[in-house]
N, C-alpha and C. Protein backbone atom coordinates (compact mmCIF):
# COMPACT_ATOMS: atom_id res chain seq x y z
N UNK A 1 70.85 146.26 33.10
CA UNK A 1 71.51 147.28 33.89
C UNK A 1 71.17 147.02 35.36
N UNK A 2 72.19 147.01 36.20
CA UNK A 2 72.00 146.81 37.63
C UNK A 2 72.17 148.14 38.36
N UNK A 3 71.16 148.50 39.15
CA UNK A 3 71.16 149.75 39.91
C UNK A 3 70.77 149.45 41.35
N UNK A 4 71.21 150.30 42.25
CA UNK A 4 70.74 150.24 43.62
C UNK A 4 69.79 151.43 43.78
N UNK A 5 68.51 151.13 43.99
CA UNK A 5 67.49 152.18 44.10
C UNK A 5 66.84 152.07 45.47
N UNK A 6 66.98 153.13 46.25
CA UNK A 6 66.43 153.17 47.61
C UNK A 6 66.86 151.95 48.43
N UNK A 7 68.13 151.59 48.29
CA UNK A 7 68.70 150.51 49.07
C UNK A 7 68.50 149.11 48.52
N UNK A 8 67.74 148.97 47.43
CA UNK A 8 67.47 147.66 46.85
C UNK A 8 68.18 147.51 45.52
N UNK A 9 68.81 146.36 45.30
CA UNK A 9 69.42 146.08 44.01
C UNK A 9 68.32 145.73 43.01
N UNK A 10 68.35 146.40 41.86
CA UNK A 10 67.34 146.15 40.84
C UNK A 10 68.03 145.96 39.50
N UNK A 11 67.48 145.08 38.70
CA UNK A 11 67.95 144.87 37.34
C UNK A 11 66.88 145.43 36.41
N UNK A 12 67.30 146.33 35.53
CA UNK A 12 66.37 146.98 34.61
C UNK A 12 66.83 146.70 33.19
N UNK A 13 65.91 146.18 32.37
CA UNK A 13 66.25 145.91 30.98
C UNK A 13 66.45 147.21 30.23
N UNK A 14 67.61 147.32 29.60
CA UNK A 14 67.93 148.51 28.82
C UNK A 14 69.00 148.13 27.82
N UNK A 15 68.74 148.35 26.54
CA UNK A 15 69.71 147.97 25.51
C UNK A 15 70.85 148.98 25.39
N UNK A 16 70.67 150.17 25.99
CA UNK A 16 71.72 151.18 25.95
C UNK A 16 72.65 151.00 27.14
N UNK A 17 73.78 151.68 27.12
CA UNK A 17 74.71 151.58 28.25
C UNK A 17 74.34 152.51 29.39
N UNK A 18 73.32 153.37 29.18
CA UNK A 18 72.86 154.27 30.24
C UNK A 18 71.40 154.62 30.02
N UNK A 19 70.79 155.17 31.06
CA UNK A 19 69.46 155.77 31.01
C UNK A 19 69.64 157.25 31.28
N UNK A 20 68.86 158.09 30.66
CA UNK A 20 68.79 159.48 31.11
C UNK A 20 67.90 159.47 32.35
N UNK A 21 68.29 160.23 33.38
CA UNK A 21 67.58 160.20 34.65
C UNK A 21 66.09 160.45 34.48
N UNK A 22 65.74 161.42 33.67
CA UNK A 22 64.32 161.74 33.46
C UNK A 22 63.57 160.52 32.91
N UNK A 23 64.17 159.81 31.96
CA UNK A 23 63.54 158.63 31.37
C UNK A 23 63.46 157.48 32.37
N UNK A 24 64.49 157.32 33.18
CA UNK A 24 64.48 156.26 34.18
C UNK A 24 63.37 156.49 35.21
N UNK A 25 63.22 157.71 35.67
CA UNK A 25 62.16 158.01 36.65
C UNK A 25 60.80 157.71 36.05
N UNK A 26 60.61 158.06 34.79
CA UNK A 26 59.35 157.76 34.11
C UNK A 26 59.15 156.24 34.01
N UNK A 27 60.20 155.54 33.64
CA UNK A 27 60.16 154.07 33.50
C UNK A 27 59.79 153.42 34.83
N UNK A 28 60.27 153.98 35.93
CA UNK A 28 59.99 153.44 37.25
C UNK A 28 58.64 153.88 37.82
N UNK A 29 57.97 154.80 37.12
CA UNK A 29 56.63 155.22 37.52
C UNK A 29 56.57 156.39 38.48
N UNK A 30 57.68 157.10 38.64
CA UNK A 30 57.68 158.27 39.53
C UNK A 30 57.13 159.49 38.80
N UNK A 31 56.46 160.37 39.54
CA UNK A 31 55.98 161.64 39.00
C UNK A 31 57.06 162.68 39.29
N UNK A 32 57.69 163.22 38.27
CA UNK A 32 58.85 164.11 38.45
C UNK A 32 58.61 165.30 39.37
N UNK A 33 57.41 165.82 39.40
CA UNK A 33 57.14 167.00 40.23
C UNK A 33 57.04 166.65 41.71
N UNK A 34 57.04 165.35 42.04
CA UNK A 34 56.85 164.92 43.42
C UNK A 34 58.05 164.19 44.01
N UNK A 35 59.23 164.26 43.37
CA UNK A 35 60.38 163.53 43.89
C UNK A 35 61.63 164.41 43.98
N UNK A 36 62.51 164.00 44.87
CA UNK A 36 63.86 164.54 44.99
C UNK A 36 64.78 163.36 44.72
N UNK A 37 65.81 163.57 43.91
CA UNK A 37 66.67 162.46 43.50
C UNK A 37 68.12 162.72 43.91
N UNK A 38 68.71 161.69 44.50
CA UNK A 38 70.13 161.69 44.82
C UNK A 38 70.78 160.59 43.99
N UNK A 39 71.82 160.95 43.25
CA UNK A 39 72.53 159.99 42.40
C UNK A 39 73.96 159.90 42.89
N UNK A 40 74.35 158.73 43.35
CA UNK A 40 75.70 158.49 43.87
C UNK A 40 76.10 159.53 44.91
N UNK A 41 75.15 159.84 45.81
CA UNK A 41 75.44 160.74 46.92
C UNK A 41 75.28 162.21 46.64
N UNK A 42 74.84 162.58 45.44
CA UNK A 42 74.68 163.99 45.08
C UNK A 42 73.24 164.27 44.66
N UNK A 43 72.63 165.28 45.28
CA UNK A 43 71.26 165.66 44.89
C UNK A 43 71.32 166.28 43.50
N UNK A 44 70.44 165.81 42.63
CA UNK A 44 70.42 166.26 41.24
C UNK A 44 69.23 167.19 41.01
N UNK A 45 69.51 168.38 40.51
CA UNK A 45 68.46 169.35 40.21
C UNK A 45 67.58 168.83 39.07
N UNK A 46 66.27 168.99 39.20
CA UNK A 46 65.37 168.56 38.11
C UNK A 46 65.70 169.21 36.76
N UNK A 47 66.33 170.36 36.79
CA UNK A 47 66.68 171.06 35.54
C UNK A 47 67.68 170.27 34.70
N UNK A 48 68.46 169.40 35.32
CA UNK A 48 69.48 168.66 34.56
C UNK A 48 69.16 167.17 34.41
N UNK A 49 67.98 166.74 34.85
CA UNK A 49 67.62 165.33 34.72
C UNK A 49 67.68 164.86 33.27
N UNK A 50 67.30 165.70 32.32
CA UNK A 50 67.26 165.31 30.92
C UNK A 50 68.66 165.04 30.37
N UNK A 51 69.71 165.59 31.02
CA UNK A 51 71.08 165.40 30.55
C UNK A 51 71.91 164.51 31.47
N UNK A 52 71.32 164.02 32.57
CA UNK A 52 72.06 163.23 33.54
C UNK A 52 71.97 161.75 33.19
N UNK A 53 73.14 161.13 32.99
CA UNK A 53 73.19 159.72 32.63
C UNK A 53 73.28 158.84 33.87
N UNK A 54 72.44 157.82 33.92
CA UNK A 54 72.48 156.82 34.97
C UNK A 54 73.05 155.56 34.33
N UNK A 55 74.16 155.07 34.91
CA UNK A 55 74.87 153.94 34.33
C UNK A 55 74.83 152.71 35.24
N UNK A 56 75.18 151.59 34.67
CA UNK A 56 75.24 150.34 35.42
C UNK A 56 76.05 150.52 36.69
N UNK A 57 75.49 150.07 37.81
CA UNK A 57 76.18 150.15 39.09
C UNK A 57 75.91 151.41 39.88
N UNK A 58 75.19 152.36 39.31
CA UNK A 58 74.89 153.61 40.02
C UNK A 58 73.92 153.36 41.18
N UNK A 59 73.94 154.30 42.13
CA UNK A 59 73.10 154.22 43.31
C UNK A 59 72.18 155.44 43.35
N UNK A 60 70.87 155.19 43.40
CA UNK A 60 69.88 156.26 43.44
C UNK A 60 69.06 156.19 44.72
N UNK A 61 68.78 157.35 45.26
CA UNK A 61 67.80 157.48 46.34
C UNK A 61 66.72 158.40 45.78
N UNK A 62 65.49 157.92 45.75
CA UNK A 62 64.38 158.70 45.23
C UNK A 62 63.40 158.91 46.39
N UNK A 63 63.24 160.16 46.78
CA UNK A 63 62.36 160.50 47.89
C UNK A 63 61.09 161.13 47.33
N UNK A 64 59.96 160.54 47.66
CA UNK A 64 58.68 161.06 47.19
C UNK A 64 58.13 162.06 48.21
N UNK A 65 57.70 163.20 47.71
CA UNK A 65 57.11 164.23 48.55
C UNK A 65 55.64 163.88 48.73
N UNK A 66 55.22 163.82 49.98
CA UNK A 66 53.84 163.47 50.30
C UNK A 66 53.21 164.63 51.06
N UNK A 67 52.08 165.09 50.57
CA UNK A 67 51.37 166.16 51.25
C UNK A 67 50.53 165.62 52.39
N UNK A 68 50.13 166.50 53.22
CA UNK A 68 49.26 166.06 54.31
C UNK A 68 49.55 166.85 55.57
N UNK A 69 49.04 166.36 56.61
CA UNK A 69 49.20 167.02 57.90
C UNK A 69 48.07 166.56 58.80
N UNK A 70 47.96 167.22 59.91
CA UNK A 70 46.87 166.84 60.81
C UNK A 70 46.07 168.08 61.17
N UNK A 71 44.83 167.84 61.41
CA UNK A 71 43.93 168.91 61.82
C UNK A 71 43.52 168.65 63.27
N UNK A 72 43.58 169.65 64.09
CA UNK A 72 43.20 169.46 65.49
C UNK A 72 41.84 170.05 65.75
């Protein structure tokens, strides 16, 4: 399966014709509680990741939430 993830073309071995978004994020090593996902230009609610199919040629942007700040 060929996907564009965060601007990079990636080939992911998958015997099925699609990945469920939740499974793909796990496969890629993302922690679900720390990311925001855009699939083909649409932000996808975490509530529907388990039912959202990612297919060959899809484009994903995965933004990781990072805590922190500065102390003066």
